[in-house]
Amino acid sequence: MKTIKSIFILVFFALTSNLAIAGDLDTLRFEVKGNCEMCKERIEASVDVKGVKSAVWDVDTKIIVVVYDKTKITEEKIHGLIAADGHDTDKQTAPDKVYNKLPGCCKYDRDKSEQK
């Protein structure tokens, strides 16, 4: 009987700790400028960091969907990581120096007022 009670307690704590972890996950959807499959690889790889559970960028819609643990990484950090790899988001502009090093097929149209 003591063993059954111990197993029940372990299962209870395991389930409640997973619920707490799932409660910290959030989803972002935002625009990231890019053009092609090379951009997709670069954009998704830029947020392959601790705290990001998944990231998928759609070449056609230019929308990225990021599932992340909000206790480990912030929305601002996610935007910054993508911009640091040369892709403008709706909240951060990639530095000109990085954008200019992108392959020709990856150079998306930029509004001159956005450039830094």
C-alpha atoms as a PDB file:
ATOM      1  CA  MET A   1       0.000   0.000   0.000  1.00  0.00           C
ATOM      2  CA  LYS A   2       2.872   2.321   0.814  1.00  0.00           C
ATOM      3  CA  THR A   3       4.353   1.668  -2.645  1.00  0.00           C
ATOM      4  CA  ILE A   4       1.071   2.519  -4.387  1.00  0.00           C
ATOM      5  CA  LYS A   5       0.825   5.759  -2.409  1.00  0.00           C
ATOM      6  CA  SER A   6       4.418   6.649  -3.339  1.00  0.00           C
ATOM      7  CA  ILE A   7       3.764   5.952  -7.012  1.00  0.00           C
ATOM      8  CA  PHE A   8       0.607   8.067  -6.892  1.00  0.00           C
ATOM      9  CA  ILE A   9       2.530  10.969  -5.337  1.00  0.00           C
ATOM     10  CA  LEU A  10       5.309  10.703  -7.943  1.00  0.00           C
ATOM     11  CA  VAL A  11       2.805  10.631 -10.799  1.00  0.00           C
ATOM     12  CA  PHE A  12       0.935  13.603  -9.324  1.00  0.00           C
ATOM     13  CA  PHE A  13       4.126  15.698  -9.066  1.00  0.00           C
ATOM     14  CA  ALA A  14       5.238  14.685 -12.550  1.00  0.00           C
ATOM     15  CA  LEU A  15       1.921  15.744 -14.051  1.00  0.00           C
ATOM     16  CA  THR A  16       1.698  19.027 -12.171  1.00  0.00           C
ATOM     17  CA  SER A  17       5.291  19.970 -13.008  1.00  0.00           C
ATOM     18  CA  ASN A  18       4.589  19.348 -16.720  1.00  0.00           C
ATOM     19  CA  LEU A  19       1.521  21.559 -16.497  1.00  0.00           C
ATOM     20  CA  ALA A  20       3.614  24.310 -14.954  1.00  0.00           C
ATOM     21  CA  ILE A  21       6.150  24.024 -17.759  1.00  0.00           C
ATOM     22  CA  ALA A  22       3.444  24.064 -20.420  1.00  0.00           C
ATOM     23  CA  GLY A  23       1.989  27.145 -18.742  1.00  0.00           C
ATOM     24  CA  ASP A  24       5.212  29.047 -19.424  1.00  0.00           C
ATOM     25  CA  LEU A  25       5.053  28.448 -23.190  1.00  0.00           C
ATOM     26  CA  ASP A  26       3.859  31.239 -25.430  1.00  0.00           C
ATOM     27  CA  THR A  27       3.464  31.617 -29.189  1.00  0.00           C
ATOM     28  CA  LEU A  28       4.559  34.550 -31.314  1.00  0.00           C
ATOM     29  CA  ARG A  29       3.493  35.264 -34.890  1.00  0.00           C
ATOM     30  CA  PHE A  30       5.167  38.114 -36.717  1.00  0.00           C
ATOM     31  CA  GLU A  31       6.560  39.192 -40.066  1.00  0.00           C
ATOM     32  CA  VAL A  32      10.186  38.559 -40.964  1.00  0.00           C
ATOM     33  CA  LYS A  33      11.494  39.855 -44.277  1.00  0.00           C
ATOM     34  CA  GLY A  34      13.149  37.352 -46.559  1.00  0.00           C
ATOM     35  CA  ASN A  35      12.760  35.725 -49.943  1.00  0.00           C
ATOM     36  CA  CYS A  36      13.778  32.114 -50.288  1.00  0.00           C
ATOM     37  CA  GLU A  37      14.578  28.732 -48.748  1.00  0.00           C
ATOM     38  CA  MET A  38      18.053  29.976 -47.778  1.00  0.00           C
ATOM     39  CA  CYS A  39      16.368  32.760 -45.822  1.00  0.00           C
ATOM     40  CA  LYS A  40      14.076  30.200 -44.182  1.00  0.00           C
ATOM     41  CA  GLU A  41      17.056  28.142 -43.012  1.00  0.00           C
ATOM     42  CA  ARG A  42      18.881  31.215 -41.692  1.00  0.00           C
ATOM     43  CA  ILE A  43      15.830  32.696 -39.934  1.00  0.00           C
ATOM     44  CA  GLU A  44      14.842  29.443 -38.238  1.00  0.00           C
ATOM     45  CA  ALA A  45      18.453  28.705 -37.254  1.00  0.00           C
ATOM     46  CA  SER A  46      18.840  32.171 -35.718  1.00  0.00           C
ATOM     47  CA  VAL A  47      16.303  31.285 -33.028  1.00  0.00           C
ATOM     48  CA  ASP A  48      17.493  27.730 -32.440  1.00  0.00           C
ATOM     49  CA  VAL A  49      18.469  28.687 -28.900  1.00  0.00           C
ATOM     50  CA  LYS A  50      17.618  27.688 -25.340  1.00  0.00           C
ATOM     51  CA  GLY A  51      14.058  28.652 -24.568  1.00  0.00           C
ATOM     52  CA  VAL A  52      12.732  28.366 -28.118  1.00  0.00           C
ATOM     53  CA  LYS A  53      10.797  25.138 -28.588  1.00  0.00           C
ATOM     54  CA  SER A  54      10.057  25.574 -32.304  1.00  0.00           C
ATOM     55  CA  ALA A  55      10.212  28.162 -35.054  1.00  0.00           C
ATOM     56  CA  VAL A  56       8.761  27.916 -38.547  1.00  0.00           C
ATOM     57  CA  TRP A  57       9.012  30.709 -41.124  1.00  0.00           C
ATOM     58  CA  ASP A  58       6.746  30.597 -44.177  1.00  0.00           C
ATOM     59  CA  VAL A  59       8.429  31.743 -47.401  1.00  0.00           C
ATOM     60  CA  ASP A  60       5.141  32.849 -48.978  1.00  0.00           C
ATOM     61  CA  THR A  61       3.490  34.713 -46.094  1.00  0.00           C
ATOM     62  CA  LYS A  62       6.765  35.941 -44.500  1.00  0.00           C
ATOM     63  CA  ILE A  63       5.297  35.013 -41.091  1.00  0.00           C
ATOM     64  CA  ILE A  64       7.254  33.168 -38.431  1.00  0.00           C
ATOM     65  CA  VAL A  65       5.547  31.202 -35.690  1.00  0.00           C
ATOM     66  CA  VAL A  66       7.722  30.782 -32.607  1.00  0.00           C
ATOM     67  CA  VAL A  67       6.813  28.667 -29.599  1.00  0.00           C
ATOM     68  CA  TYR A  68       9.005  29.679 -26.682  1.00  0.00           C
ATOM     69  CA  ASP A  69       9.393  29.465 -22.928  1.00  0.00           C
ATOM     70  CA  LYS A  70       8.767  32.988 -21.686  1.00  0.00           C
ATOM     71  CA  THR A  71      10.746  32.265 -18.494  1.00  0.00           C
ATOM     72  CA  LYS A  72      13.904  31.609 -20.548  1.00  0.00           C
ATOM     73  CA  ILE A  73      13.791  34.079 -23.453  1.00  0.00           C
ATOM     74  CA  THR A  74      11.930  37.290 -24.252  1.00  0.00           C
ATOM     75  CA  GLU A  75      10.058  38.364 -27.348  1.00  0.00           C
ATOM     76  CA  GLU A  76      12.540  41.219 -27.774  1.00  0.00           C
ATOM     77  CA  LYS A  77      15.476  38.783 -27.698  1.00  0.00           C
ATOM     78  CA  ILE A  78      13.852  36.637 -30.386  1.00  0.00           C
ATOM     79  CA  HIS A  79      13.410  39.670 -32.660  1.00  0.00           C
ATOM     80  CA  GLY A  80      17.010  40.693 -31.948  1.00  0.00           C
ATOM     81  CA  LEU A  81      18.428  37.280 -32.850  1.00  0.00           C
ATOM     82  CA  ILE A  82      16.658  37.305 -36.212  1.00  0.00           C
ATOM     83  CA  ALA A  83      17.720  40.876 -36.978  1.00  0.00           C
ATOM     84  CA  ALA A  84      21.319  40.061 -36.008  1.00  0.00           C
ATOM     85  CA  ASP A  85      21.344  37.484 -38.815  1.00  0.00           C
ATOM     86  CA  GLY A  86      20.240  40.033 -41.426  1.00  0.00           C
ATOM     87  CA  HIS A  87      16.445  39.840 -41.481  1.00  0.00           C
ATOM     88  CA  ASP A  88      14.171  42.725 -40.510  1.00  0.00           C
ATOM     89  CA  THR A  89      11.232  41.938 -38.248  1.00  0.00           C
ATOM     90  CA  ASP A  90       8.275  44.134 -37.466  1.00  0.00           C
ATOM     91  CA  LYS A  91      10.083  45.242 -34.281  1.00  0.00           C
ATOM     92  CA  GLN A  92      13.783  45.263 -35.210  1.00  0.00           C
ATOM     93  CA  THR A  93      15.784  46.219 -38.262  1.00  0.00           C
ATOM     94  CA  ALA A  94      18.852  44.250 -39.235  1.00  0.00           C
ATOM     95  CA  PRO A  95      22.090  46.248 -39.307  1.00  0.00           C
ATOM     96  CA  ASP A  96      23.058  47.345 -42.844  1.00  0.00           C
ATOM     97  CA  LYS A  97      26.450  45.674 -42.441  1.00  0.00           C
ATOM     98  CA  VAL A  98      24.803  42.272 -41.874  1.00  0.00           C
ATOM     99  CA  TYR A  99      22.050  42.761 -44.478  1.00  0.00           C
ATOM    100  CA  ASN A 100      24.630  43.698 -47.117  1.00  0.00           C
ATOM    101  CA  LYS A 101      26.448  40.376 -46.583  1.00  0.00           C
ATOM    102  CA  LEU A 102      23.349  38.315 -47.410  1.00  0.00           C
ATOM    103  CA  PRO A 103      23.455  36.356 -50.694  1.00  0.00           C
ATOM    104  CA  GLY A 104      21.806  38.194 -53.587  1.00  0.00           C
ATOM    105  CA  CYS A 105      18.702  35.991 -53.581  1.00  0.00           C
ATOM    106  CA  CYS A 106      18.158  36.801 -49.901  1.00  0.00           C
ATOM    107  CA  LYS A 107      18.230  40.597 -50.260  1.00  0.00           C
ATOM    108  CA  TYR A 108      14.614  41.596 -49.759  1.00  0.00           C
ATOM    109  CA  ASP A 109      13.293  45.080 -50.498  1.00  0.00           C
ATOM    110  CA  ARG A 110      13.985  47.485 -47.650  1.00  0.00           C
ATOM    111  CA  ASP A 111      12.346  50.805 -46.941  1.00  0.00           C
ATOM    112  CA  LYS A 112      15.171  53.370 -46.715  1.00  0.00           C
ATOM    113  CA  SER A 113      13.646  54.777 -43.505  1.00  0.00           C
ATOM    114  CA  GLU A 114      14.042  51.343 -41.832  1.00  0.00           C
ATOM    115  CA  GLN A 115      17.781  50.981 -42.427  1.00  0.00           C
ATOM    116  CA  LYS A 116      20.321  51.413 -39.668  1.00  0.00           C
END
